[in-house]
């Protein structure tokens, strides 16, 4: 995914926070997805269009992780969300 692209939660889902986790329901295929607390932080950052740099900054502010590891993990998580149809990418 292009690091300059802005990404946001897709419109075809609903989500709710449960303690430090998030549950996401894809409205078109009726599949549920769950996140851990890091995933919940990323999902929260996607409520408004954000760049990968913005998302990584939010994660590094809340969790003790180095930048390289954070970027790799965030990119992997975003790829999974995109493959599941839960993200909109704004070029």
N, C-alpha and C. Protein backbone atom coordinates (compact mmCIF):
# COMPACT_ATOMS: atom_id res chain seq x y z
N UNK A 1 0.85 -1.17 0.00
CA UNK A 1 0.00 0.00 0.00
C UNK A 1 0.90 1.23 0.00
N UNK A 2 0.53 2.22 -0.79
CA UNK A 2 1.29 3.45 -0.91
C UNK A 2 1.24 4.22 0.41
N UNK A 3 2.40 4.56 0.94
CA UNK A 3 2.44 5.24 2.25
C UNK A 3 1.86 6.65 2.19
N UNK A 4 1.73 7.22 0.99
CA UNK A 4 1.16 8.56 0.87
C UNK A 4 -0.37 8.53 0.79
N UNK A 5 -0.93 7.36 0.52
CA UNK A 5 -2.39 7.24 0.41
C UNK A 5 -3.04 7.46 1.77
N UNK A 6 -4.22 8.00 1.72
CA UNK A 6 -5.02 8.12 2.95
C UNK A 6 -5.98 6.95 3.00
N UNK A 7 -6.16 6.40 4.18
CA UNK A 7 -6.94 5.19 4.39
C UNK A 7 -7.99 5.49 5.45
N UNK A 8 -9.15 4.87 5.31
CA UNK A 8 -10.20 5.03 6.33
C UNK A 8 -11.02 3.76 6.41
N UNK A 9 -11.81 3.66 7.45
CA UNK A 9 -12.73 2.54 7.60
C UNK A 9 -13.72 2.55 6.44
N UNK A 10 -14.01 1.40 5.90
CA UNK A 10 -14.99 1.29 4.82
C UNK A 10 -16.39 1.57 5.35
N UNK A 11 -17.28 1.95 4.47
CA UNK A 11 -18.66 2.22 4.86
C UNK A 11 -19.48 0.96 5.05
N UNK A 12 -19.00 -0.17 4.54
CA UNK A 12 -19.78 -1.41 4.57
C UNK A 12 -19.52 -2.23 5.83
N UNK A 13 -19.34 -1.55 6.94
CA UNK A 13 -19.06 -2.24 8.20
C UNK A 13 -19.63 -1.45 9.36
N UNK A 14 -19.78 -2.12 10.47
CA UNK A 14 -20.07 -1.48 11.75
C UNK A 14 -19.10 -2.10 12.76
N UNK A 15 -18.75 -1.32 13.74
CA UNK A 15 -17.80 -1.83 14.73
C UNK A 15 -18.17 -1.31 16.11
N UNK A 16 -17.68 -2.03 17.11
CA UNK A 16 -17.87 -1.58 18.49
C UNK A 16 -16.64 -1.96 19.30
N UNK A 17 -16.41 -1.18 20.32
CA UNK A 17 -15.28 -1.42 21.22
C UNK A 17 -15.75 -2.27 22.38
N UNK A 18 -14.94 -3.26 22.72
CA UNK A 18 -15.19 -4.13 23.86
C UNK A 18 -13.93 -4.15 24.70
N UNK A 19 -13.97 -3.44 25.80
CA UNK A 19 -12.78 -3.24 26.63
C UNK A 19 -11.68 -2.64 25.77
N UNK A 20 -10.59 -3.34 25.58
CA UNK A 20 -9.48 -2.80 24.79
C UNK A 20 -9.42 -3.43 23.40
N UNK A 21 -10.49 -4.06 22.98
CA UNK A 21 -10.54 -4.72 21.68
C UNK A 21 -11.66 -4.11 20.85
N UNK A 22 -11.67 -4.44 19.57
CA UNK A 22 -12.73 -3.98 18.67
C UNK A 22 -13.27 -5.17 17.91
N UNK A 23 -14.58 -5.18 17.71
CA UNK A 23 -15.24 -6.18 16.89
C UNK A 23 -15.83 -5.45 15.69
N UNK A 24 -15.57 -5.99 14.50
CA UNK A 24 -16.01 -5.37 13.25
C UNK A 24 -16.91 -6.36 12.52
N UNK A 25 -18.06 -5.90 12.06
CA UNK A 25 -18.96 -6.72 11.27
C UNK A 25 -18.98 -6.18 9.84
N UNK A 26 -18.58 -7.02 8.89
CA UNK A 26 -18.66 -6.67 7.48
C UNK A 26 -20.12 -6.86 7.06
N UNK A 27 -20.78 -5.81 6.66
CA UNK A 27 -22.21 -5.86 6.40
C UNK A 27 -22.59 -6.62 5.14
N UNK A 28 -21.68 -6.74 4.19
CA UNK A 28 -22.01 -7.43 2.94
C UNK A 28 -21.87 -8.94 3.04
N UNK A 29 -20.90 -9.42 3.82
CA UNK A 29 -20.72 -10.87 3.90
C UNK A 29 -21.04 -11.43 5.29
N UNK A 30 -21.46 -10.57 6.21
CA UNK A 30 -21.87 -10.95 7.57
C UNK A 30 -20.77 -11.64 8.37
N UNK A 31 -19.52 -11.35 8.05
CA UNK A 31 -18.40 -11.91 8.81
C UNK A 31 -17.96 -10.94 9.89
N UNK A 32 -17.65 -11.49 11.04
CA UNK A 32 -17.11 -10.71 12.15
C UNK A 32 -15.60 -10.81 12.17
N UNK A 33 -14.96 -9.71 12.55
CA UNK A 33 -13.51 -9.67 12.71
C UNK A 33 -13.22 -9.08 14.08
N UNK A 34 -12.24 -9.62 14.76
CA UNK A 34 -11.86 -9.11 16.07
C UNK A 34 -10.43 -8.61 16.04
N UNK A 35 -10.17 -7.62 16.86
CA UNK A 35 -8.81 -7.10 16.98
C UNK A 35 -8.35 -7.19 18.42
N UNK A 36 -7.05 -7.13 18.61
CA UNK A 36 -6.51 -6.97 19.95
C UNK A 36 -6.42 -5.47 20.23
N UNK A 37 -5.77 -5.09 21.29
CA UNK A 37 -5.75 -3.66 21.65
C UNK A 37 -4.93 -2.82 20.68
N UNK A 38 -3.89 -3.39 20.07
CA UNK A 38 -3.12 -2.64 19.06
C UNK A 38 -3.98 -2.46 17.82
N UNK A 39 -4.65 -3.52 17.41
CA UNK A 39 -5.57 -3.41 16.27
C UNK A 39 -6.68 -2.41 16.53
N UNK A 40 -7.17 -2.36 17.75
CA UNK A 40 -8.20 -1.40 18.11
C UNK A 40 -7.68 0.03 17.99
N UNK A 41 -6.44 0.23 18.36
CA UNK A 41 -5.81 1.55 18.23
C UNK A 41 -5.72 1.95 16.76
N UNK A 42 -5.32 1.01 15.92
CA UNK A 42 -5.23 1.27 14.48
C UNK A 42 -6.62 1.55 13.92
N UNK A 43 -7.60 0.75 14.29
CA UNK A 43 -8.96 0.92 13.80
C UNK A 43 -9.50 2.29 14.20
N UNK A 44 -9.22 2.70 15.42
CA UNK A 44 -9.65 4.02 15.89
C UNK A 44 -9.03 5.12 15.03
N UNK A 45 -7.75 4.96 14.69
CA UNK A 45 -7.06 5.96 13.86
C UNK A 45 -7.66 6.05 12.47
N UNK A 46 -8.36 5.00 12.04
CA UNK A 46 -8.95 4.96 10.70
C UNK A 46 -10.36 5.53 10.64
N UNK A 47 -10.86 6.05 11.74
CA UNK A 47 -12.21 6.64 11.73
C UNK A 47 -12.27 7.82 10.76
N UNK A 48 -11.16 8.52 10.63
CA UNK A 48 -11.02 9.60 9.65
C UNK A 48 -9.89 9.22 8.72
N UNK A 49 -9.89 9.72 7.50
CA UNK A 49 -8.78 9.38 6.59
C UNK A 49 -7.43 9.70 7.22
N UNK A 50 -6.52 8.73 7.15
CA UNK A 50 -5.19 8.89 7.76
C UNK A 50 -4.15 8.24 6.86
N UNK A 51 -2.93 8.75 6.96
CA UNK A 51 -1.80 8.15 6.27
C UNK A 51 -1.14 7.14 7.20
N UNK A 52 -0.37 6.25 6.64
CA UNK A 52 0.32 5.24 7.44
C UNK A 52 1.19 5.91 8.51
N UNK A 53 1.84 7.01 8.18
CA UNK A 53 2.66 7.72 9.17
C UNK A 53 1.83 8.15 10.38
N UNK A 54 0.62 8.64 10.12
CA UNK A 54 -0.27 9.08 11.21
C UNK A 54 -0.69 7.90 12.08
N UNK A 55 -0.98 6.78 11.43
CA UNK A 55 -1.40 5.59 12.16
C UNK A 55 -0.26 5.07 13.02
N UNK A 56 0.95 5.01 12.45
CA UNK A 56 2.12 4.56 13.21
C UNK A 56 2.39 5.48 14.40
N UNK A 57 2.23 6.77 14.20
CA UNK A 57 2.45 7.72 15.30
C UNK A 57 1.47 7.45 16.44
N UNK A 58 0.21 7.15 16.10
CA UNK A 58 -0.79 6.85 17.13
C UNK A 58 -0.42 5.58 17.89
N UNK A 59 0.05 4.58 17.17
CA UNK A 59 0.42 3.31 17.81
C UNK A 59 1.63 3.51 18.70
N UNK A 60 2.65 4.20 18.21
CA UNK A 60 3.88 4.39 18.99
C UNK A 60 3.65 5.27 20.21
N UNK A 61 2.64 6.13 20.15
CA UNK A 61 2.30 6.97 21.30
C UNK A 61 1.70 6.14 22.44
N UNK A 62 0.94 5.09 22.09
CA UNK A 62 0.26 4.27 23.10
C UNK A 62 1.02 3.04 23.53
N UNK A 63 1.89 2.52 22.65
CA UNK A 63 2.57 1.26 22.92
C UNK A 63 4.08 1.42 22.75
N UNK A 64 4.80 0.64 23.51
CA UNK A 64 6.25 0.67 23.45
C UNK A 64 6.72 -0.23 22.31
N UNK A 65 7.02 0.39 21.17
CA UNK A 65 7.44 -0.34 19.98
C UNK A 65 8.34 0.57 19.16
N UNK A 66 9.38 -0.02 18.54
CA UNK A 66 10.25 0.82 17.71
C UNK A 66 9.59 1.07 16.36
N UNK A 67 10.04 2.10 15.69
CA UNK A 67 9.39 2.56 14.47
C UNK A 67 9.39 1.51 13.35
N UNK A 68 10.50 0.83 13.14
CA UNK A 68 10.56 -0.17 12.06
C UNK A 68 9.57 -1.30 12.29
N UNK A 69 9.53 -1.80 13.51
CA UNK A 69 8.60 -2.88 13.85
C UNK A 69 7.16 -2.41 13.71
N UNK A 70 6.91 -1.19 14.16
CA UNK A 70 5.56 -0.63 14.09
C UNK A 70 5.11 -0.53 12.64
N UNK A 71 5.94 0.02 11.79
CA UNK A 71 5.59 0.18 10.37
C UNK A 71 5.28 -1.17 9.72
N UNK A 72 6.11 -2.17 10.01
CA UNK A 72 5.91 -3.49 9.42
C UNK A 72 4.60 -4.10 9.91
N UNK A 73 4.35 -4.01 11.21
CA UNK A 73 3.12 -4.59 11.78
C UNK A 73 1.87 -3.86 11.32
N UNK A 74 1.93 -2.53 11.26
CA UNK A 74 0.78 -1.74 10.80
C UNK A 74 0.50 -2.06 9.34
N UNK A 75 1.52 -2.14 8.52
CA UNK A 75 1.33 -2.45 7.10
C UNK A 75 0.68 -3.82 6.92
N UNK A 76 1.12 -4.80 7.69
CA UNK A 76 0.56 -6.15 7.61
C UNK A 76 -0.91 -6.14 8.04
N UNK A 77 -1.23 -5.44 9.12
CA UNK A 77 -2.61 -5.36 9.60
C UNK A 77 -3.50 -4.65 8.58
N UNK A 78 -3.02 -3.55 8.00
CA UNK A 78 -3.79 -2.82 7.00
C UNK A 78 -4.03 -3.68 5.76
N UNK A 79 -3.04 -4.45 5.37
CA UNK A 79 -3.21 -5.35 4.22
C UNK A 79 -4.32 -6.36 4.49
N UNK A 80 -4.38 -6.88 5.72
CA UNK A 80 -5.44 -7.83 6.08
C UNK A 80 -6.82 -7.16 6.05
N UNK A 81 -6.90 -5.94 6.58
CA UNK A 81 -8.17 -5.22 6.57
C UNK A 81 -8.60 -4.92 5.14
N UNK A 82 -7.66 -4.54 4.32
CA UNK A 82 -7.97 -4.23 2.92
C UNK A 82 -8.44 -5.48 2.19
N UNK A 83 -7.76 -6.60 2.40
CA UNK A 83 -8.15 -7.86 1.76
C UNK A 83 -9.55 -8.29 2.20
N UNK A 84 -9.92 -7.95 3.43
CA UNK A 84 -11.24 -8.29 3.94
C UNK A 84 -12.32 -7.32 3.48
N UNK A 85 -11.91 -6.26 2.77
CA UNK A 85 -12.88 -5.26 2.29
C UNK A 85 -13.32 -4.29 3.34
N UNK A 86 -12.49 -4.07 4.36
CA UNK A 86 -12.86 -3.20 5.47
C UNK A 86 -12.21 -1.83 5.41
N UNK A 87 -11.44 -1.56 4.36
CA UNK A 87 -10.78 -0.27 4.21
C UNK A 87 -11.14 0.39 2.89
N UNK A 88 -11.18 1.70 2.91
CA UNK A 88 -11.24 2.49 1.69
C UNK A 88 -9.91 3.22 1.58
N UNK A 89 -9.31 3.15 0.39
CA UNK A 89 -8.04 3.83 0.13
C UNK A 89 -8.34 5.03 -0.74
N UNK A 90 -7.91 6.20 -0.29
CA UNK A 90 -8.13 7.44 -1.01
C UNK A 90 -6.80 7.85 -1.63
N UNK A 91 -6.73 7.80 -2.95
CA UNK A 91 -5.46 8.11 -3.64
C UNK A 91 -5.12 9.57 -3.52
